[in-house]
Amino acid sequence: MPSERTHALTDAQLTKLRQALARKRDELRRKSRAHVEGATRSDEELIDDGDVAMRSATTDELLDLADHERKLLAEVERALAKMDAGTYGVSEATGEPIPYARLGAVPWARNNVDDE
């Protein structure tokens, strides 16, 4: 039976989506932490200018990845908060239900595909 709060999602679907969001949250936290640690490790072993330049480029890449993961993590946490508030699964643009297939593919989706 669909939950009225979420407009079209069953309790089983919500449970599955909550688990997917929690897994993604944990994965993003782990990856972001690893990227930041990799970017901030000691440069004592670098000897020549080429090593320093390569390390600088790698650091920039790792920090860019960590930033992207931080932004995605915010979206995932927002989706989890919306679940707790009973507003998950509803397009922020139109107020219409977001289909389960879309949420299954992108559980942190804010809108229907056509709304974006």
PDB file of N, CA and C in Angstrom:
ATOM      1  N   MET A   1       0.851  -1.183   0.000  1.00  0.00           N
ATOM      2  CA  MET A   1       0.000   0.000   0.000  1.00  0.00           C
ATOM      3  C   MET A   1       0.894   1.242   0.000  1.00  0.00           C
ATOM      4  N   PRO A   2       0.720   2.142  -0.954  1.00  0.00           N
ATOM      5  CA  PRO A   2       1.550   3.345  -1.008  1.00  0.00           C
ATOM      6  C   PRO A   2       1.346   4.227   0.210  1.00  0.00           C
ATOM      7  N   SER A   3       2.413   4.823   0.651  1.00  0.00           N
ATOM      8  CA  SER A   3       2.356   5.743   1.779  1.00  0.00           C
ATOM      9  C   SER A   3       1.885   7.105   1.282  1.00  0.00           C
ATOM     10  N   GLU A   4       0.936   7.696   1.984  1.00  0.00           N
ATOM     11  CA  GLU A   4       0.414   8.985   1.560  1.00  0.00           C
ATOM     12  C   GLU A   4       1.486  10.076   1.653  1.00  0.00           C
ATOM     13  N   ARG A   5       2.383   9.955   2.659  1.00  0.00           N
ATOM     14  CA  ARG A   5       3.437  10.944   2.841  1.00  0.00           C
ATOM     15  C   ARG A   5       4.346  11.040   1.634  1.00  0.00           C
ATOM     16  N   THR A   6       4.621   9.914   1.016  1.00  0.00           N
ATOM     17  CA  THR A   6       5.579   9.885  -0.075  1.00  0.00           C
ATOM     18  C   THR A   6       4.897   9.753  -1.427  1.00  0.00           C
ATOM     19  N   HIS A   7       3.609   9.807  -1.440  1.00  0.00           N
ATOM     20  CA  HIS A   7       2.785   9.863  -2.642  1.00  0.00           C
ATOM     21  C   HIS A   7       2.738   8.597  -3.476  1.00  0.00           C
ATOM     22  N   ALA A   8       3.778   7.790  -3.544  1.00  0.00           N
ATOM     23  CA  ALA A   8       3.699   6.632  -4.407  1.00  0.00           C
ATOM     24  C   ALA A   8       4.625   5.502  -3.991  1.00  0.00           C
ATOM     25  N   LEU A   9       5.404   5.687  -2.992  1.00  0.00           N
ATOM     26  CA  LEU A   9       6.393   4.690  -2.609  1.00  0.00           C
ATOM     27  C   LEU A   9       5.873   3.800  -1.488  1.00  0.00           C
ATOM     28  N   THR A  10       6.108   2.504  -1.636  1.00  0.00           N
ATOM     29  CA  THR A  10       5.722   1.568  -0.589  1.00  0.00           C
ATOM     30  C   THR A  10       6.768   1.590   0.520  1.00  0.00           C
ATOM     31  N   ASP A  11       6.424   1.009   1.646  1.00  0.00           N
ATOM     32  CA  ASP A  11       7.381   0.921   2.745  1.00  0.00           C
ATOM     33  C   ASP A  11       8.607   0.117   2.321  1.00  0.00           C
ATOM     34  N   ALA A  12       8.400  -0.946   1.554  1.00  0.00           N
ATOM     35  CA  ALA A  12       9.523  -1.770   1.078  1.00  0.00           C
ATOM     36  C   ALA A  12      10.431  -0.962   0.151  1.00  0.00           C
ATOM     37  N   GLN A  13       9.842  -0.161  -0.724  1.00  0.00           N
ATOM     38  CA  GLN A  13      10.642   0.679  -1.615  1.00  0.00           C
ATOM     39  C   GLN A  13      11.420   1.724  -0.817  1.00  0.00           C
ATOM     40  N   LEU A  14      10.766   2.337   0.145  1.00  0.00           N
ATOM     41  CA  LEU A  14      11.448   3.327   0.984  1.00  0.00           C
ATOM     42  C   LEU A  14      12.614   2.703   1.745  1.00  0.00           C
ATOM     43  N   THR A  15      12.409   1.502   2.260  1.00  0.00           N
ATOM     44  CA  THR A  15      13.481   0.809   2.970  1.00  0.00           C
ATOM     45  C   THR A  15      14.650   0.542   2.045  1.00  0.00           C
ATOM     46  N   LYS A  16      14.359   0.062   0.853  1.00  0.00           N
ATOM     47  CA  LYS A  16      15.417  -0.231  -0.122  1.00  0.00           C
ATOM     48  C   LYS A  16      16.161   1.055  -0.510  1.00  0.00           C
ATOM     49  N   LEU A  17      15.432   2.134  -0.728  1.00  0.00           N
ATOM     50  CA  LEU A  17      16.055   3.406  -1.096  1.00  0.00           C
ATOM     51  C   LEU A  17      16.861   3.989   0.064  1.00  0.00           C
ATOM     52  N   ARG A  18      16.361   3.861   1.276  1.00  0.00           N
ATOM     53  CA  ARG A  18      17.101   4.349   2.454  1.00  0.00           C
ATOM     54  C   ARG A  18      18.420   3.587   2.583  1.00  0.00           C
ATOM     55  N   GLN A  19      18.382   2.276   2.364  1.00  0.00           N
ATOM     56  CA  GLN A  19      19.603   1.471   2.429  1.00  0.00           C
ATOM     57  C   GLN A  19      20.587   1.891   1.336  1.00  0.00           C
ATOM     58  N   ALA A  20      20.082   2.141   0.143  1.00  0.00           N
ATOM     59  CA  ALA A  20      20.956   2.581  -0.954  1.00  0.00           C
ATOM     60  C   ALA A  20      21.591   3.932  -0.627  1.00  0.00           C
ATOM     61  N   LEU A  21      20.809   4.838  -0.069  1.00  0.00           N
ATOM     62  CA  LEU A  21      21.338   6.153   0.316  1.00  0.00           C
ATOM     63  C   LEU A  21      22.376   6.030   1.429  1.00  0.00           C
ATOM     64  N   ALA A  22      22.123   5.180   2.391  1.00  0.00           N
ATOM     65  CA  ALA A  22      23.074   4.995   3.491  1.00  0.00           C
ATOM     66  C   ALA A  22      24.386   4.398   2.977  1.00  0.00           C
ATOM     67  N   ARG A  23      24.295   3.428   2.057  1.00  0.00           N
ATOM     68  CA  ARG A  23      25.507   2.853   1.465  1.00  0.00           C
ATOM     69  C   ARG A  23      26.287   3.908   0.692  1.00  0.00           C
ATOM     70  N   LYS A  24      25.578   4.727  -0.094  1.00  0.00           N
ATOM     71  CA  LYS A  24      26.232   5.776  -0.870  1.00  0.00           C
ATOM     72  C   LYS A  24      26.873   6.798   0.058  1.00  0.00           C
ATOM     73  N   ARG A  25      26.182   7.175   1.124  1.00  0.00           N
ATOM     74  CA  ARG A  25      26.730   8.121   2.101  1.00  0.00           C
ATOM     75  C   ARG A  25      28.040   7.585   2.688  1.00  0.00           C
ATOM     76  N   ASP A  26      28.026   6.329   3.095  1.00  0.00           N
ATOM     77  CA  ASP A  26      29.223   5.729   3.686  1.00  0.00           C
ATOM     78  C   ASP A  26      30.358   5.650   2.670  1.00  0.00           C
ATOM     79  N   GLU A  27      30.035   5.282   1.433  1.00  0.00           N
ATOM     80  CA  GLU A  27      31.043   5.211   0.365  1.00  0.00           C
ATOM     81  C   GLU A  27      31.657   6.584   0.096  1.00  0.00           C
ATOM     82  N   LEU A  28      30.827   7.606   0.010  1.00  0.00           N
ATOM     83  CA  LEU A  28      31.321   8.958  -0.254  1.00  0.00           C
ATOM     84  C   LEU A  28      32.184   9.473   0.888  1.00  0.00           C
ATOM     85  N   ARG A  29      31.792   9.202   2.105  1.00  0.00           N
ATOM     86  CA  ARG A  29      32.600   9.620   3.256  1.00  0.00           C
ATOM     87  C   ARG A  29      33.979   8.956   3.211  1.00  0.00           C
ATOM     88  N   ARG A  30      33.982   7.645   2.924  1.00  0.00           N
ATOM     89  CA  ARG A  30      35.232   6.889   2.870  1.00  0.00           C
ATOM     90  C   ARG A  30      36.144   7.396   1.749  1.00  0.00           C
ATOM     91  N   LYS A  31      35.573   7.575   0.557  1.00  0.00           N
ATOM     92  CA  LYS A  31      36.362   8.042  -0.586  1.00  0.00           C
ATOM     93  C   LYS A  31      36.888   9.456  -0.357  1.00  0.00           C
ATOM     94  N   SER A  32      36.045  10.327   0.145  1.00  0.00           N
ATOM     95  CA  SER A  32      36.460  11.707   0.375  1.00  0.00           C
ATOM     96  C   SER A  32      37.594  11.762   1.387  1.00  0.00           C
ATOM     97  N   ARG A  33      37.457  11.005   2.457  1.00  0.00           N
ATOM     98  CA  ARG A  33      38.510  10.962   3.479  1.00  0.00           C
ATOM     99  C   ARG A  33      39.823  10.472   2.866  1.00  0.00           C
ATOM    100  N   ALA A  34      39.760   9.427   2.047  1.00  0.00           N
ATOM    101  CA  ALA A  34      40.963   8.881   1.410  1.00  0.00           C
ATOM    102  C   ALA A  34      41.589   9.895   0.462  1.00  0.00           C
ATOM    103  N   HIS A  35      40.774  10.617  -0.283  1.00  0.00           N
ATOM    104  CA  HIS A  35      41.309  11.616  -1.209  1.00  0.00           C
ATOM    105  C   HIS A  35      41.972  12.773  -0.469  1.00  0.00           C
ATOM    106  N   VAL A  36      41.351  13.220   0.597  1.00  0.00           N
ATOM    107  CA  VAL A  36      41.950  14.314   1.375  1.00  0.00           C
ATOM    108  C   VAL A  36      43.251  13.836   2.014  1.00  0.00           C
ATOM    109  N   GLU A  37      43.257  12.639   2.567  1.00  0.00           N
ATOM    110  CA  GLU A  37      44.484  12.110   3.167  1.00  0.00           C
ATOM    111  C   GLU A  37      45.588  11.987   2.123  1.00  0.00           C
ATOM    112  N   GLY A  38      45.230  11.521   0.925  1.00  0.00           N
ATOM    113  CA  GLY A  38      46.217  11.404  -0.144  1.00  0.00           C
ATOM    114  C   GLY A  38      46.749  12.754  -0.584  1.00  0.00           C
ATOM    115  N   ALA A  39      45.900  13.748  -0.559  1.00  0.00           N
ATOM    116  CA  ALA A  39      46.298  15.086  -1.001  1.00  0.00           C
ATOM    117  C   ALA A  39      47.153  15.800   0.040  1.00  0.00           C
ATOM    118  N   THR A  40      47.024  15.402   1.286  1.00  0.00           N
ATOM    119  CA  THR A  40      47.721  16.130   2.338  1.00  0.00           C
ATOM    120  C   THR A  40      48.891  15.354   2.937  1.00  0.00           C
ATOM    121  N   ARG A  41      49.266  14.257   2.313  1.00  0.00           N
ATOM    122  CA  ARG A  41      50.403  13.489   2.857  1.00  0.00           C
ATOM    123  C   ARG A  41      51.705  14.274   2.682  1.00  0.00           C
ATOM    124  N   SER A  42      52.674  13.917   3.429  1.00  0.00           N
ATOM    125  CA  SER A  42      53.950  14.631   3.464  1.00  0.00           C
ATOM    126  C   SER A  42      54.672  14.568   2.119  1.00  0.00           C
ATOM    127  N   ASP A  43      55.319  15.675   1.751  1.00  0.00           N
ATOM    128  CA  ASP A  43      56.097  15.754   0.514  1.00  0.00           C
ATOM    129  C   ASP A  43      57.588  15.596   0.771  1.00  0.00           C
ATOM    130  N   GLU A  44      57.970  15.114   1.937  1.00  0.00           N
ATOM    131  CA  GLU A  44      59.385  15.004   2.286  1.00  0.00           C
ATOM    132  C   GLU A  44      60.176  14.137   1.316  1.00  0.00           C
ATOM    133  N   GLU A  45      59.513  13.119   0.731  1.00  0.00           N
ATOM    134  CA  GLU A  45      60.230  12.212  -0.157  1.00  0.00           C
ATOM    135  C   GLU A  45      60.472  12.794  -1.558  1.00  0.00           C
ATOM    136  N   LEU A  46      59.895  13.946  -1.861  1.00  0.00           N
ATOM    137  CA  LEU A  46      60.059  14.543  -3.186  1.00  0.00           C
ATOM    138  C   LEU A  46      61.432  15.215  -3.289  1.00  0.00           C
ATOM    139  N   ILE A  47      62.123  14.900  -4.369  1.00  0.00           N
ATOM    140  CA  ILE A  47      63.491  15.381  -4.511  1.00  0.00           C
ATOM    141  C   ILE A  47      63.618  16.442  -5.592  1.00  0.00           C
ATOM    142  N   ASP A  48      63.116  16.185  -6.765  1.00  0.00           N
ATOM    143  CA  ASP A  48      63.327  17.151  -7.848  1.00  0.00           C
ATOM    144  C   ASP A  48      62.052  17.900  -8.203  1.00  0.00           C
ATOM    145  N   ASP A  49      62.207  18.913  -9.044  1.00  0.00           N
ATOM    146  CA  ASP A  49      61.075  19.766  -9.430  1.00  0.00           C
ATOM    147  C   ASP A  49      59.985  18.979 -10.149  1.00  0.00           C
ATOM    148  N   GLY A  50      60.373  17.973 -10.917  1.00  0.00           N
ATOM    149  CA  GLY A  50      59.389  17.145 -11.619  1.00  0.00           C
ATOM    150  C   GLY A  50      58.501  16.395 -10.645  1.00  0.00           C
ATOM    151  N   ASP A  51      59.114  15.870  -9.582  1.00  0.00           N
ATOM    152  CA  ASP A  51      58.329  15.183  -8.549  1.00  0.00           C
ATOM    153  C   ASP A  51      57.359  16.150  -7.880  1.00  0.00           C
ATOM    154  N   VAL A  52      57.834  17.340  -7.599  1.00  0.00           N
ATOM    155  CA  VAL A  52      56.995  18.347  -6.943  1.00  0.00           C
ATOM    156  C   VAL A  52      55.836  18.749  -7.851  1.00  0.00           C
ATOM    157  N   ALA A  53      56.100  18.945  -9.123  1.00  0.00           N
ATOM    158  CA  ALA A  53      55.043  19.321 -10.071  1.00  0.00           C
ATOM    159  C   ALA A  53      54.005  18.208 -10.202  1.00  0.00           C
ATOM    160  N   MET A  54      54.475  16.970 -10.293  1.00  0.00           N
ATOM    161  CA  MET A  54      53.558  15.831 -10.406  1.00  0.00           C
ATOM    162  C   MET A  54      52.709  15.722  -9.136  1.00  0.00           C
ATOM    163  N   ARG A  55      53.314  15.914  -8.005  1.00  0.00           N
ATOM    164  CA  ARG A  55      52.600  15.845  -6.733  1.00  0.00           C
ATOM    165  C   ARG A  55      51.555  16.948  -6.645  1.00  0.00           C
ATOM    166  N   SER A  56      51.888  18.125  -7.125  1.00  0.00           N
ATOM    167  CA  SER A  56      50.947  19.237  -7.107  1.00  0.00           C
ATOM    168  C   SER A  56      49.720  18.932  -7.963  1.00  0.00           C
ATOM    169  N   ALA A  57      49.952  18.375  -9.143  1.00  0.00           N
ATOM    170  CA  ALA A  57      48.836  18.017 -10.030  1.00  0.00           C
ATOM    171  C   ALA A  57      47.974  16.933  -9.399  1.00  0.00           C
ATOM    172  N   THR A  58      48.604  15.956  -8.792  1.00  0.00           N
ATOM    173  CA  THR A  58      47.869  14.871  -8.135  1.00  0.00           C
ATOM    174  C   THR A  58      47.057  15.412  -6.961  1.00  0.00           C
ATOM    175  N   THR A  59      47.656  16.297  -6.199  1.00  0.00           N
ATOM    176  CA  THR A  59      46.959  16.907  -5.065  1.00  0.00           C
ATOM    177  C   THR A  59      45.718  17.653  -5.537  1.00  0.00           C
ATOM    178  N   ASP A  60      45.857  18.427  -6.611  1.00  0.00           N
ATOM    179  CA  ASP A  60      44.709  19.164  -7.160  1.00  0.00           C
ATOM    180  C   ASP A  60      43.600  18.204  -7.575  1.00  0.00           C
ATOM    181  N   GLU A  61      43.962  17.118  -8.243  1.00  0.00           N
ATOM    182  CA  GLU A  61      42.971  16.122  -8.670  1.00  0.00           C
ATOM    183  C   GLU A  61      42.254  15.518  -7.473  1.00  0.00           C
ATOM    184  N   LEU A  62      43.023  15.126  -6.462  1.00  0.00           N
ATOM    185  CA  LEU A  62      42.431  14.510  -5.280  1.00  0.00           C
ATOM    186  C   LEU A  62      41.502  15.469  -4.545  1.00  0.00           C
ATOM    187  N   LEU A  63      41.902  16.723  -4.445  1.00  0.00           N
ATOM    188  CA  LEU A  63      41.044  17.702  -3.783  1.00  0.00           C
ATOM    189  C   LEU A  63      39.786  17.999  -4.593  1.00  0.00           C
ATOM    190  N   ASP A  64      39.891  17.996  -5.925  1.00  0.00           N
ATOM    191  CA  ASP A  64      38.709  18.160  -6.778  1.00  0.00           C
ATOM    192  C   ASP A  64      37.739  16.994  -6.585  1.00  0.00           C
ATOM    193  N   LEU A  65      38.284  15.782  -6.526  1.00  0.00           N
ATOM    194  CA  LEU A  65      37.442  14.605  -6.285  1.00  0.00           C
ATOM    195  C   LEU A  65      36.767  14.696  -4.925  1.00  0.00           C
ATOM    196  N   ALA A  66      37.518  15.081  -3.914  1.00  0.00           N
ATOM    197  CA  ALA A  66      36.954  15.210  -2.573  1.00  0.00           C
ATOM    198  C   ALA A  66      35.844  16.260  -2.544  1.00  0.00           C
ATOM    199  N   ASP A  67      36.019  17.357  -3.267  1.00  0.00           N
ATOM    200  CA  ASP A  67      35.005  18.405  -3.332  1.00  0.00           C
ATOM    201  C   ASP A  67      33.734  17.895  -4.010  1.00  0.00           C
ATOM    202  N   HIS A  68      33.906  17.172  -5.113  1.00  0.00           N
ATOM    203  CA  HIS A  68      32.756  16.587  -5.814  1.00  0.00           C
ATOM    204  C   HIS A  68      32.016  15.614  -4.883  1.00  0.00           C
ATOM    205  N   GLU A  69      32.768  14.783  -4.178  1.00  0.00           N
ATOM    206  CA  GLU A  69      32.159  13.825  -3.265  1.00  0.00           C
ATOM    207  C   GLU A  69      31.452  14.531  -2.118  1.00  0.00           C
ATOM    208  N   ARG A  70      32.010  15.632  -1.635  1.00  0.00           N
ATOM    209  CA  ARG A  70      31.381  16.406  -0.563  1.00  0.00           C
ATOM    210  C   ARG A  70      30.029  16.959  -1.023  1.00  0.00           C
ATOM    211  N   LYS A  71      29.987  17.457  -2.255  1.00  0.00           N
ATOM    212  CA  LYS A  71      28.724  17.993  -2.790  1.00  0.00           C
ATOM    213  C   LYS A  71      27.682  16.887  -2.970  1.00  0.00           C
ATOM    214  N   LEU A  72      28.117  15.738  -3.484  1.00  0.00           N
ATOM    215  CA  LEU A  72      27.198  14.619  -3.658  1.00  0.00           C
ATOM    216  C   LEU A  72      26.735  14.105  -2.301  1.00  0.00           C
ATOM    217  N   LEU A  73      27.631  14.079  -1.330  1.00  0.00           N
ATOM    218  CA  LEU A  73      27.271  13.663   0.019  1.00  0.00           C
ATOM    219  C   LEU A  73      26.178  14.575   0.581  1.00  0.00           C
ATOM    220  N   ALA A  74      26.269  15.858   0.325  1.00  0.00           N
ATOM    221  CA  ALA A  74      25.231  16.788   0.786  1.00  0.00           C
ATOM    222  C   ALA A  74      23.874  16.444   0.165  1.00  0.00           C
ATOM    223  N   GLU A  75      23.879  16.053  -1.102  1.00  0.00           N
ATOM    224  CA  GLU A  75      22.628  15.654  -1.770  1.00  0.00           C
ATOM    225  C   GLU A  75      22.055  14.381  -1.147  1.00  0.00           C
ATOM    226  N   VAL A  76      22.925  13.426  -0.864  1.00  0.00           N
ATOM    227  CA  VAL A  76      22.491  12.167  -0.252  1.00  0.00           C
ATOM    228  C   VAL A  76      21.925  12.436   1.142  1.00  0.00           C
ATOM    229  N   GLU A  77      22.612  13.247   1.916  1.00  0.00           N
ATOM    230  CA  GLU A  77      22.128  13.568   3.260  1.00  0.00           C
ATOM    231  C   GLU A  77      20.820  14.355   3.207  1.00  0.00           C
ATOM    232  N   ARG A  78      20.679  15.200   2.196  1.00  0.00           N
ATOM    233  CA  ARG A  78      19.422  15.932   2.009  1.00  0.00           C
ATOM    234  C   ARG A  78      18.272  14.953   1.745  1.00  0.00           C
ATOM    235  N   ALA A  79      18.533  13.959   0.900  1.00  0.00           N
ATOM    236  CA  ALA A  79      17.511  12.960   0.587  1.00  0.00           C
ATOM    237  C   ALA A  79      17.119  12.176   1.842  1.00  0.00           C
ATOM    238  N   LEU A  80      18.098  11.808   2.655  1.00  0.00           N
ATOM    239  CA  LEU A  80      17.799  11.100   3.897  1.00  0.00           C
ATOM    240  C   LEU A  80      16.974  11.981   4.845  1.00  0.00           C
ATOM    241  N   ALA A  81      17.292  13.254   4.915  1.00  0.00           N
ATOM    242  CA  ALA A  81      16.520  14.184   5.753  1.00  0.00           C
ATOM    243  C   ALA A  81      15.084  14.315   5.234  1.00  0.00           C
ATOM    244  N   LYS A  82      14.939  14.334   3.909  1.00  0.00           N
ATOM    245  CA  LYS A  82      13.593  14.413   3.329  1.00  0.00           C
ATOM    246  C   LYS A  82      12.794  13.147   3.652  1.00  0.00           C
ATOM    247  N   MET A  83      13.466  12.003   3.695  1.00  0.00           N
ATOM    248  CA  MET A  83      12.775  10.767   4.102  1.00  0.00           C
ATOM    249  C   MET A  83      12.245  10.921   5.522  1.00  0.00           C
ATOM    250  N   ASP A  84      13.107  11.425   6.399  1.00  0.00           N
ATOM    251  CA  ASP A  84      12.706  11.606   7.795  1.00  0.00           C
ATOM    252  C   ASP A  84      11.556  12.598   7.920  1.00  0.00           C
ATOM    253  N   ALA A  85      11.523  13.600   7.044  1.00  0.00           N
ATOM    254  CA  ALA A  85      10.480  14.626   7.085  1.00  0.00           C
ATOM    255  C   ALA A  85       9.205  14.203   6.356  1.00  0.00           C
ATOM    256  N   GLY A  86       9.277  13.093   5.607  1.00  0.00           N
ATOM    257  CA  GLY A  86       8.107  12.630   4.868  1.00  0.00           C
ATOM    258  C   GLY A  86       7.900  13.341   3.547  1.00  0.00           C
ATOM    259  N   THR A  87       8.935  14.006   3.043  1.00  0.00           N
ATOM    260  CA  THR A  87       8.803  14.733   1.773  1.00  0.00           C
ATOM    261  C   THR A  87       9.642  14.121   0.657  1.00  0.00           C
ATOM    262  N   TYR A  88      10.214  12.966   0.910  1.00  0.00           N
ATOM    263  CA  TYR A  88      11.063  12.296  -0.075  1.00  0.00           C
ATOM    264  C   TYR A  88      10.207  11.745  -1.207  1.00  0.00           C
ATOM    265  N   GLY A  89      10.771  11.779  -2.409  1.00  0.00           N
ATOM    266  CA  GLY A  89      10.096  11.181  -3.556  1.00  0.00           C
ATOM    267  C   GLY A  89       9.135  12.111  -4.264  1.00  0.00           C
ATOM    268  N   VAL A  90       9.215  13.392  -3.929  1.00  0.00           N
ATOM    269  CA  VAL A  90       8.342  14.391  -4.545  1.00  0.00           C
ATOM    270  C   VAL A  90       9.221  15.425  -5.247  1.00  0.00           C
ATOM    271  N   SER A  91       8.915  15.710  -6.495  1.00  0.00           N
ATOM    272  CA  SER A  91       9.686  16.681  -7.266  1.00  0.00           C
ATOM    273  C   SER A  91       9.642  18.049  -6.601  1.00  0.00           C
ATOM    274  N   GLU A  92      10.817  18.624  -6.407  1.00  0.00           N
ATOM    275  CA  GLU A  92      10.885  19.970  -5.837  1.00  0.00           C
ATOM    276  C   GLU A  92      10.395  21.017  -6.834  1.00  0.00           C
ATOM    277  N   ALA A  93      10.420  20.688  -8.109  1.00  0.00           N
ATOM    278  CA  ALA A  93       9.994  21.641  -9.137  1.00  0.00           C
ATOM    279  C   ALA A  93       8.480  21.660  -9.313  1.00  0.00           C
ATOM    280  N   THR A  94       7.863  20.479  -9.236  1.00  0.00           N
ATOM    281  CA  THR A  94       6.436  20.413  -9.560  1.00  0.00           C
ATOM    282  C   THR A  94       5.549  19.897  -8.438  1.00  0.00           C
ATOM    283  N   GLY A  95       6.139  19.244  -7.442  1.00  0.00           N
ATOM    284  CA  GLY A  95       5.337  18.636  -6.385  1.00  0.00           C
ATOM    285  C   GLY A  95       4.754  17.292  -6.768  1.00  0.00           C
ATOM    286  N   GLU A  96       5.070  16.830  -7.958  1.00  0.00           N
ATOM    287  CA  GLU A  96       4.588  15.528  -8.436  1.00  0.00           C
ATOM    288  C   GLU A  96       5.499  14.419  -7.910  1.00  0.00           C
ATOM    289  N   PRO A  97       4.961  13.202  -7.766  1.00  0.00           N
ATOM    290  CA  PRO A  97       5.792  12.084  -7.323  1.00  0.00           C
ATOM    291  C   PRO A  97       6.911  11.780  -8.331  1.00  0.00           C
ATOM    292  N   ILE A  98       8.063  11.435  -7.808  1.00  0.00           N
ATOM    293  CA  ILE A  98       9.174  10.987  -8.644  1.00  0.00           C
ATOM    294  C   ILE A  98       9.038   9.475  -8.766  1.00  0.00           C
ATOM    295  N   PRO A  99       9.047   8.945  -9.980  1.00  0.00           N
ATOM    296  CA  PRO A  99       8.870   7.499 -10.153  1.00  0.00           C
ATOM    297  C   PRO A  99       9.953   6.695  -9.440  1.00  0.00           C
ATOM    298  N   TYR A 100       9.558   5.532  -8.928  1.00  0.00           N
ATOM    299  CA  TYR A 100      10.487   4.660  -8.220  1.00  0.00           C
ATOM    300  C   TYR A 100      11.677   4.282  -9.098  1.00  0.00           C
ATOM    301  N   ALA A 101      11.464   4.081 -10.379  1.00  0.00           N
ATOM    302  CA  ALA A 101      12.572   3.725 -11.278  1.00  0.00           C
ATOM    303  C   ALA A 101      13.639   4.816 -11.274  1.00  0.00           C
ATOM    304  N   ARG A 102      13.231   6.064 -11.277  1.00  0.00           N
ATOM    305  CA  ARG A 102      14.187   7.183 -11.235  1.00  0.00           C
ATOM    306  C   ARG A 102      14.922   7.201  -9.897  1.00  0.00           C
ATOM    307  N   LEU A 103      14.182   7.046  -8.819  1.00  0.00           N
ATOM    308  CA  LEU A 103      14.806   7.048  -7.499  1.00  0.00           C
ATOM    309  C   LEU A 103      15.714   5.833  -7.322  1.00  0.00           C
ATOM    310  N   GLY A 104      15.361   4.720  -7.950  1.00  0.00           N
ATOM    311  CA  GLY A 104      16.214   3.546  -7.897  1.00  0.00           C
ATOM    312  C   GLY A 104      17.548   3.796  -8.577  1.00  0.00           C
ATOM    313  N   ALA A 105      17.527   4.577  -9.636  1.00  0.00           N
ATOM    314  CA  ALA A 105      18.754   4.906 -10.374  1.00  0.00           C
ATOM    315  C   ALA A 105      19.533   6.028  -9.695  1.00  0.00           C
ATOM    316  N   VAL A 106      18.811   7.026  -9.186  1.00  0.00           N
ATOM    317  CA  VAL A 106      19.432   8.186  -8.528  1.00  0.00           C
ATOM    318  C   VAL A 106      18.613   8.478  -7.264  1.00  0.00           C
ATOM    319  N   PRO A 107      18.909   7.766  -6.172  1.00  0.00           N
ATOM    320  CA  PRO A 107      18.069   7.916  -4.973  1.00  0.00           C
ATOM    321  C   PRO A 107      18.045   9.316  -4.378  1.00  0.00           C
ATOM    322  N   TRP A 108      18.990  10.158  -4.729  1.00  0.00           N
ATOM    323  CA  TRP A 108      19.022  11.532  -4.203  1.00  0.00           C
ATOM    324  C   TRP A 108      18.389  12.519  -5.183  1.00  0.00           C
ATOM    325  N   ALA A 109      17.710  12.027  -6.216  1.00  0.00           N
ATOM    326  CA  ALA A 109      17.079  12.896  -7.207  1.00  0.00           C
ATOM    327  C   ALA A 109      16.090  13.849  -6.524  1.00  0.00           C
ATOM    328  N   ARG A 110      16.145  15.101  -6.946  1.00  0.00           N
ATOM    329  CA  ARG A 110      15.231  16.126  -6.408  1.00  0.00           C
ATOM    330  C   ARG A 110      14.002  16.313  -7.287  1.00  0.00           C
ATOM    331  N   ASN A 111      14.131  15.933  -8.566  1.00  0.00           N
ATOM    332  CA  ASN A 111      13.077  16.194  -9.532  1.00  0.00           C
ATOM    333  C   ASN A 111      12.905  15.025 -10.484  1.00  0.00           C
ATOM    334  N   ASN A 112      11.815  15.046 -11.223  1.00  0.00           N
ATOM    335  CA  ASN A 112      11.618  14.108 -12.322  1.00  0.00           C
ATOM    336  C   ASN A 112      12.561  14.467 -13.446  1.00  0.00           C
ATOM    337  N   VAL A 113      12.824  13.536 -14.315  1.00  0.00           N
ATOM    338  CA  VAL A 113      13.730  13.788 -15.443  1.00  0.00           C
ATOM    339  C   VAL A 113      13.253  14.965 -16.276  1.00  0.00           C
ATOM    340  N   ASP A 114      11.964  15.054 -16.523  1.00  0.00           N
ATOM    341  CA  ASP A 114      11.402  16.126 -17.361  1.00  0.00           C
ATOM    342  C   ASP A 114      11.425  17.484 -16.679  1.00  0.00           C
ATOM    343  N   ASP A 115      11.590  17.518 -15.365  1.00  0.00           N
ATOM    344  CA  ASP A 115      11.585  18.781 -14.611  1.00  0.00           C
ATOM    345  C   ASP A 115      12.916  19.511 -14.669  1.00  0.00           C
ATOM    346  N   GLU A 116      13.976  18.805 -15.054  1.00  0.00           N
ATOM    347  CA  GLU A 116      15.317  19.394 -14.990  1.00  0.00           C
ATOM    348  C   GLU A 116      15.669  20.172 -16.221  1.00  0.00           C
TER     349      GLU A 116
END
